């Protein structure tokens, strides 16, 4: 404990609210849909992190739904200029788009972020890392996403993130999609969304011993129960309840919280 002579002294400092600085994490929705940003707020609030302020940013213009890599690149062009003047206000940044979004490395390259060792992650990176840690070594994780185009995009992103060369990790079950875009998840009839989500989950579960399923779109915020229902229907009550459902927004906020507080 370094400078602290006793456990009591250590606890007195770190359990004293007056000595704790409030941290500020910026959660970035890189599409220009305000309702999608608002859907993220209850997920963050449910984590009940004290002494951390969570600020939300919505792209001022650009795509309302990020449906492919071109949309992701275009959205970063609208976000970065609007963010640059305020980057110094925050301790950490979460890019809430489920892709290998270019805004993540772009933020890391900003002088104020790099010089201040500020933490940056995307919900894709956070969810994959979390999934790998919560499953058994013999199990796999998979991703449920929106349009079919994401099957190849996200599969390649997992390979790149894990550094496994040109082939996917044996622990990755793959990507199954709903055929709906991010906007459809909130605008289409609930029975349609529920049916498509559950079908995609069941296809993924049939690929082997899948221990965790990542929600592969920020627009899937709050849809954990749909995934859980599909797991139970496909595997039975006991086994279906054991599958971990990983929300990238919550995984990202939790990771940032740990890094910011520990000063890594």
Protein backbone atom coordinates (compact mmCIF):
# COMPACT_ATOMS: atom_id res chain seq x y z
CA UNK A 1 0.00 0.00 0.00
CA UNK A 2 3.04 2.26 -0.43
CA UNK A 3 2.59 5.50 1.53
CA UNK A 4 -0.06 4.02 3.86
CA UNK A 5 1.23 2.54 7.10
CA UNK A 6 -2.00 0.80 8.05
CA UNK A 7 -5.02 -0.68 6.36
CA UNK A 8 -7.14 1.82 8.32
CA UNK A 9 -5.24 4.75 6.82
CA UNK A 10 -5.73 3.37 3.34
CA UNK A 11 -9.43 2.84 3.90
CA UNK A 12 -9.85 6.27 5.47
CA UNK A 13 -8.54 7.94 2.35
CA UNK A 14 -10.35 5.91 -0.27
CA UNK A 15 -13.62 5.54 1.61
CA UNK A 16 -13.84 9.26 2.27
CA UNK A 17 -16.11 10.80 -0.39
CA UNK A 18 -14.60 14.25 0.11
CA UNK A 19 -11.25 12.99 -1.18
CA UNK A 20 -12.67 11.36 -4.32
CA UNK A 21 -12.68 13.32 -7.57
CA UNK A 22 -15.68 12.92 -9.83
CA UNK A 23 -14.71 11.33 -13.11
CA UNK A 24 -16.35 12.17 -16.42
CA UNK A 25 -16.88 9.61 -19.15
CA UNK A 26 -18.22 10.62 -22.56
CA UNK A 27 -20.49 8.13 -24.31
CA UNK A 28 -20.55 8.84 -28.02
CA UNK A 29 -23.39 7.80 -30.31
CA UNK A 30 -21.75 8.30 -33.72
CA UNK A 31 -25.04 8.25 -35.61
CA UNK A 32 -27.35 11.25 -35.59
CA UNK A 33 -30.34 9.55 -33.94
CA UNK A 34 -31.16 11.21 -30.62
CA UNK A 35 -33.68 8.47 -29.65
CA UNK A 36 -30.89 5.89 -29.96
CA UNK A 37 -28.73 7.94 -27.61
CA UNK A 38 -31.59 8.18 -25.12
CA UNK A 39 -32.00 4.39 -25.21
CA UNK A 40 -28.43 4.04 -23.89
CA UNK A 41 -28.99 6.11 -20.76
CA UNK A 42 -30.99 3.56 -18.71
CA UNK A 43 -28.28 0.94 -19.34
CA UNK A 44 -25.62 3.21 -17.91
CA UNK A 45 -27.78 4.35 -15.00
CA UNK A 46 -28.45 0.71 -14.08
CA UNK A 47 -24.75 0.26 -13.27
CA UNK A 48 -25.04 2.73 -10.35
CA UNK A 49 -21.49 4.03 -10.55
CA UNK A 50 -20.93 6.70 -7.94
CA UNK A 51 -18.58 9.63 -8.38
CA UNK A 52 -18.68 9.24 -12.16
CA UNK A 53 -20.52 11.58 -14.47
CA UNK A 54 -21.66 10.07 -17.75
CA UNK A 55 -22.13 12.60 -20.53
CA UNK A 56 -23.84 11.63 -23.79
CA UNK A 57 -23.01 12.91 -27.28
CA UNK A 58 -25.00 12.41 -30.47
CA UNK A 59 -23.47 13.06 -33.89
CA UNK A 60 -24.67 16.51 -35.00
CA UNK A 61 -25.23 15.29 -38.55
CA UNK A 62 -24.45 12.32 -40.77
CA UNK A 63 -26.02 8.83 -40.95
CA UNK A 64 -29.01 8.19 -38.70
CA UNK A 65 -28.19 4.48 -38.79
CA UNK A 66 -24.75 2.96 -39.35
CA UNK A 67 -25.42 -0.01 -41.59
CA UNK A 68 -21.98 -0.69 -43.09
CA UNK A 69 -18.34 0.37 -42.98
CA UNK A 70 -18.92 3.34 -45.29
CA UNK A 71 -21.54 4.69 -42.87
CA UNK A 72 -19.10 4.23 -39.99
CA UNK A 73 -16.38 6.16 -41.81
CA UNK A 74 -18.81 8.92 -42.77
CA UNK A 75 -20.08 9.21 -39.19
CA UNK A 76 -16.56 9.76 -37.87
CA UNK A 77 -16.20 12.76 -40.20
CA UNK A 78 -19.19 14.37 -38.51
CA UNK A 79 -18.20 13.46 -34.95
CA UNK A 80 -14.50 14.20 -34.62
CA UNK A 81 -14.60 17.92 -35.52
CA UNK A 82 -17.51 18.44 -33.11
CA UNK A 83 -15.65 16.64 -30.30
CA UNK A 84 -12.13 18.03 -30.61
CA UNK A 85 -12.57 21.21 -28.59
CA UNK A 86 -14.03 19.40 -25.56
CA UNK A 87 -11.85 16.29 -25.31
CA UNK A 88 -9.89 17.70 -22.38
CA UNK A 89 -13.03 17.68 -20.20
CA UNK A 90 -13.28 13.89 -20.09
CA UNK A 91 -11.35 11.03 -18.52
CA UNK A 92 -12.61 8.33 -20.86
CA UNK A 93 -14.53 7.81 -24.09
CA UNK A 94 -16.89 5.08 -25.28
CA UNK A 95 -17.83 4.87 -28.96
CA UNK A 96 -21.27 3.30 -28.96
CA UNK A 97 -21.35 1.71 -32.40
CA UNK A 98 -20.91 -2.03 -32.75
CA UNK A 99 -18.20 -2.06 -35.39
CA UNK A 100 -14.46 -1.66 -35.63
CA UNK A 101 -15.33 2.03 -35.72
CA UNK A 102 -12.65 4.42 -37.05
CA UNK A 103 -13.49 6.95 -34.34
CA UNK A 104 -11.84 4.72 -31.71
CA UNK A 105 -8.30 4.94 -33.15
CA UNK A 106 -8.90 8.55 -34.24
CA UNK A 107 -9.67 9.58 -30.67
CA UNK A 108 -6.62 7.73 -29.38
CA UNK A 109 -4.45 9.76 -31.76
CA UNK A 110 -5.68 13.14 -30.49
CA UNK A 111 -2.92 14.96 -28.64
CA UNK A 112 -5.01 15.72 -25.55
CA UNK A 113 -6.13 12.08 -25.32
CA UNK A 114 -2.72 10.59 -25.93
CA UNK A 115 -0.90 13.10 -23.75
CA UNK A 116 -3.38 12.70 -20.92
CA UNK A 117 -3.42 8.88 -21.15
CA UNK A 118 -7.19 9.05 -21.45
CA UNK A 119 -9.03 5.75 -21.93
CA UNK A 120 -10.86 5.01 -25.19
CA UNK A 121 -12.79 1.94 -26.30
CA UNK A 122 -15.68 0.93 -28.50
CA UNK A 123 -18.59 -1.29 -27.57
CA UNK A 124 -17.36 -3.95 -29.99
CA UNK A 125 -13.93 -4.22 -28.38
CA UNK A 126 -15.36 -4.10 -24.86
CA UNK A 127 -17.95 -6.79 -25.46
CA UNK A 128 -15.56 -9.23 -27.14
CA UNK A 129 -13.02 -8.85 -24.34
CA UNK A 130 -15.74 -9.33 -21.72
CA UNK A 131 -17.23 -12.37 -23.45
CA UNK A 132 -13.86 -14.11 -23.58
CA UNK A 133 -13.36 -13.57 -19.86
CA UNK A 134 -16.77 -14.81 -18.70
CA UNK A 135 -16.94 -18.06 -20.69
CA UNK A 136 -15.30 -21.38 -19.85
CA UNK A 137 -12.06 -22.05 -21.78
CA UNK A 138 -13.80 -24.77 -23.78
CA UNK A 139 -16.72 -22.55 -24.76
CA UNK A 140 -17.27 -20.09 -27.58
CA UNK A 141 -18.81 -16.66 -27.83
CA UNK A 142 -20.85 -15.29 -30.71
CA UNK A 143 -22.44 -12.07 -31.92
CA UNK A 144 -26.02 -11.30 -32.89
CA UNK A 145 -26.24 -8.25 -35.13
CA UNK A 146 -28.50 -6.47 -37.62
CA UNK A 147 -28.06 -6.63 -41.43
CA UNK A 148 -26.36 -9.52 -43.21
CA UNK A 149 -23.48 -7.29 -44.27
CA UNK A 150 -22.28 -7.35 -40.66
CA UNK A 151 -21.63 -11.11 -40.71
CA UNK A 152 -18.45 -10.66 -42.73
CA UNK A 153 -17.52 -7.25 -41.31
CA UNK A 154 -17.72 -8.33 -37.67
CA UNK A 155 -16.10 -11.71 -38.29
CA UNK A 156 -13.11 -9.94 -39.83
CA UNK A 157 -13.12 -7.42 -36.98
CA UNK A 158 -12.91 -10.23 -34.40
CA UNK A 159 -9.96 -11.76 -36.24
CA UNK A 160 -8.23 -8.38 -36.32
CA UNK A 161 -8.97 -7.60 -32.67
CA UNK A 162 -7.78 -10.99 -31.42
CA UNK A 163 -4.74 -10.98 -33.70
CA UNK A 164 -5.38 -14.50 -34.98
CA UNK A 165 -4.10 -13.89 -38.49
CA UNK A 166 -6.49 -14.72 -41.29
CA UNK A 167 -8.56 -17.25 -39.39
CA UNK A 168 -11.06 -16.87 -36.62
CA UNK A 169 -10.32 -18.04 -33.12
CA UNK A 170 -11.61 -21.48 -32.14
CA UNK A 171 -13.46 -19.63 -29.35
CA UNK A 172 -15.53 -17.56 -31.79
CA UNK A 173 -18.80 -19.12 -32.96
CA UNK A 174 -19.46 -16.43 -35.56
CA UNK A 175 -22.10 -13.81 -36.32
CA UNK A 176 -25.81 -14.29 -36.94
CA UNK A 177 -28.00 -11.42 -38.12
CA UNK A 178 -31.64 -10.35 -37.94
CA UNK A 179 -31.96 -8.66 -41.33
CA UNK A 180 -33.08 -5.47 -39.55
CA UNK A 181 -31.08 -2.26 -39.40
CA UNK A 182 -30.49 -0.25 -36.23
CA UNK A 183 -33.49 1.98 -36.87
CA UNK A 184 -35.79 -1.01 -37.50
CA UNK A 185 -35.00 -2.36 -34.04
CA UNK A 186 -37.01 0.50 -32.56
CA UNK A 187 -39.44 1.30 -35.40
CA UNK A 188 -40.55 -2.17 -36.55
CA UNK A 189 -43.42 -3.97 -34.75
CA UNK A 190 -42.21 -5.59 -31.53
CA UNK A 191 -43.30 -9.06 -32.60
CA UNK A 192 -41.19 -8.76 -35.76
CA UNK A 193 -38.11 -7.62 -33.83
CA UNK A 194 -38.59 -10.31 -31.19
CA UNK A 195 -39.01 -13.04 -33.80
CA UNK A 196 -35.96 -11.99 -35.82
CA UNK A 197 -33.79 -11.64 -32.70
CA UNK A 198 -34.77 -15.02 -31.34
CA UNK A 199 -34.23 -16.78 -34.68
CA UNK A 200 -30.72 -15.31 -34.95
CA UNK A 201 -29.86 -16.34 -31.39
CA UNK A 202 -31.04 -19.90 -31.95
CA UNK A 203 -28.97 -20.23 -35.14
CA UNK A 204 -25.94 -19.06 -33.21
CA UNK A 205 -26.51 -21.51 -30.36
CA UNK A 206 -26.62 -24.41 -32.84
CA UNK A 207 -22.98 -23.73 -33.74
CA UNK A 208 -21.65 -25.42 -30.63
CA UNK A 209 -21.11 -24.77 -26.96
CA UNK A 210 -21.80 -21.04 -26.97
CA UNK A 211 -21.29 -19.59 -23.50
CA UNK A 212 -21.79 -15.90 -24.28
CA UNK A 213 -23.72 -13.88 -26.83
CA UNK A 214 -22.79 -10.29 -27.61
CA UNK A 215 -25.50 -7.83 -28.63
CA UNK A 216 -23.96 -6.62 -31.87
CA UNK A 217 -25.65 -3.25 -32.21
CA UNK A 218 -26.11 -0.27 -29.91
CA UNK A 219 -29.74 -0.29 -31.07
CA UNK A 220 -30.18 -3.65 -29.28
CA UNK A 221 -29.87 -1.89 -25.94
CA UNK A 222 -32.32 -3.41 -23.49
CA UNK A 223 -33.04 -6.49 -25.60
CA UNK A 224 -31.26 -8.90 -23.26
CA UNK A 225 -34.52 -10.62 -22.33
CA UNK A 226 -35.31 -11.44 -25.95
CA UNK A 227 -31.95 -13.18 -26.18
CA UNK A 228 -32.54 -14.95 -22.86
CA UNK A 229 -35.95 -16.23 -24.02
CA UNK A 230 -34.37 -17.68 -27.16
CA UNK A 231 -31.61 -19.37 -25.12
CA UNK A 232 -34.16 -21.00 -22.84
CA UNK A 233 -36.35 -22.11 -25.75
CA UNK A 234 -33.39 -23.62 -27.57
CA UNK A 235 -31.44 -25.14 -24.66
CA UNK A 236 -33.97 -25.58 -21.88
CA UNK A 237 -34.37 -23.59 -18.67
CA UNK A 238 -31.18 -24.64 -16.87
CA UNK A 239 -28.72 -24.44 -19.76
CA UNK A 240 -30.43 -21.43 -21.30
CA UNK A 241 -29.98 -19.43 -18.11
CA UNK A 242 -26.25 -20.16 -18.07
CA UNK A 243 -25.54 -18.37 -21.37
CA UNK A 244 -24.09 -14.92 -20.69
CA UNK A 245 -25.67 -12.02 -22.57
CA UNK A 246 -23.13 -9.24 -23.05
CA UNK A 247 -24.31 -5.70 -23.70
CA UNK A 248 -21.47 -3.73 -25.25
CA UNK A 249 -22.52 -0.40 -23.76
CA UNK A 250 -22.48 -1.75 -20.21
CA UNK A 251 -19.28 -3.70 -20.86
CA UNK A 252 -17.62 -0.56 -22.23
CA UNK A 253 -18.70 1.68 -19.36
CA UNK A 254 -17.56 -0.94 -16.83
CA UNK A 255 -14.15 -1.24 -18.49
CA UNK A 256 -13.69 2.52 -18.62
CA UNK A 257 -14.73 2.84 -14.99
CA UNK A 258 -12.03 0.38 -13.94
CA UNK A 259 -9.31 1.97 -16.05
CA UNK A 260 -10.15 5.54 -15.07
CA UNK A 261 -10.33 4.76 -11.35
CA UNK A 262 -7.17 2.68 -11.30
CA UNK A 263 -5.19 5.17 -13.35
CA UNK A 264 -3.85 2.53 -15.70
